[in-house]
Amino acid sequence: MIAAYIDEVIMFCAGLWMTGVGFRYLSFPTPDQSAKNAWLANIVPHFKWMGPLLLIIAIVLAIVSPA
């Protein structure tokens, strides 16, 4: 039974982590501003909306999944 919800559990945990990092409840070491890692420093502020969106998607999928 729990195997049917593995994807949703993983998405929910990732959404919690992204939300925590986006709202600075959790620290995330941003690398130096070199060209190689500049994308990482630019994407972390987007976690404020991507984390809650991922949580909502995980909850909806858990509700509608046929188990």
Protein backbone atom coordinates (compact mmCIF):
# COMPACT_ATOMS: atom_id res chain seq x y z
CA MET A 1 0.00 0.00 0.00
CA ILE A 2 2.76 2.45 0.87
CA ALA A 3 4.47 1.62 -2.43
CA ALA A 4 1.63 3.34 -4.26
CA TYR A 5 2.47 6.60 -2.51
CA ILE A 6 6.28 6.55 -2.86
CA ASP A 7 6.32 9.20 -5.61
CA GLU A 8 4.05 11.48 -3.65
CA VAL A 9 6.10 11.08 -0.46
CA ILE A 10 9.30 11.96 -2.32
CA MET A 11 7.65 14.97 -3.98
CA PHE A 12 6.23 16.10 -0.64
CA CYS A 13 9.63 15.89 1.08
CA ALA A 14 11.30 17.75 -1.80
CA GLY A 15 8.58 20.42 -1.59
CA LEU A 16 9.16 20.82 2.14
CA TRP A 17 12.89 21.20 1.57
CA MET A 18 12.44 23.69 -1.28
CA THR A 19 9.98 25.73 0.78
CA GLY A 20 12.33 25.75 3.75
CA VAL A 21 15.25 26.90 1.63
CA GLY A 22 13.18 29.46 -0.27
CA PHE A 23 11.92 31.13 2.89
CA ARG A 24 15.34 30.76 4.56
CA TYR A 25 14.23 28.40 7.33
CA LEU A 26 17.01 26.10 6.12
CA SER A 27 20.38 27.28 4.95
CA PHE A 28 21.62 26.50 1.48
CA PRO A 29 25.25 27.24 0.70
CA THR A 30 25.27 29.30 -2.46
CA PRO A 31 28.47 28.87 -4.41
CA ASP A 32 30.69 31.63 -5.67
CA GLN A 33 29.39 33.65 -8.59
CA SER A 34 31.51 31.89 -11.19
CA ALA A 35 29.95 31.14 -14.55
CA LYS A 36 29.87 27.43 -13.74
CA ASN A 37 27.60 27.78 -10.69
CA ALA A 38 25.82 31.06 -11.39
CA TRP A 39 22.58 29.24 -12.27
CA LEU A 40 22.39 27.81 -8.74
CA ALA A 41 22.51 31.23 -7.11
CA ASN A 42 19.78 32.41 -9.49
CA ILE A 43 17.39 29.49 -8.92
CA VAL A 44 17.33 29.46 -5.10
CA PRO A 45 15.00 32.52 -4.84
CA HIS A 46 12.50 30.69 -7.06
CA PHE A 47 12.13 28.02 -4.37
CA LYS A 48 9.64 30.35 -2.65
CA TRP A 49 7.00 29.48 -5.23
CA MET A 50 8.30 26.13 -6.54
CA GLY A 51 8.28 24.49 -3.10
CA PRO A 52 4.64 25.20 -2.25
CA LEU A 53 3.62 24.30 -5.80
CA LEU A 54 5.35 20.93 -5.45
CA LEU A 55 3.59 20.37 -2.12
CA ILE A 56 0.21 21.07 -3.69
CA ILE A 57 0.92 18.75 -6.62
CA ALA A 58 2.02 15.96 -4.28
CA ILE A 59 -1.10 16.30 -2.15
CA VAL A 60 -3.41 16.34 -5.17
CA LEU A 61 -1.73 13.29 -6.67
CA ALA A 62 -1.96 11.44 -3.37
CA ILE A 63 -5.68 12.17 -3.17
CA VAL A 64 -6.53 11.12 -6.72
CA SER A 65 -4.19 8.12 -6.97
CA PRO A 66 -6.09 4.85 -7.23
CA ALA A 67 -4.86 2.79 -4.29
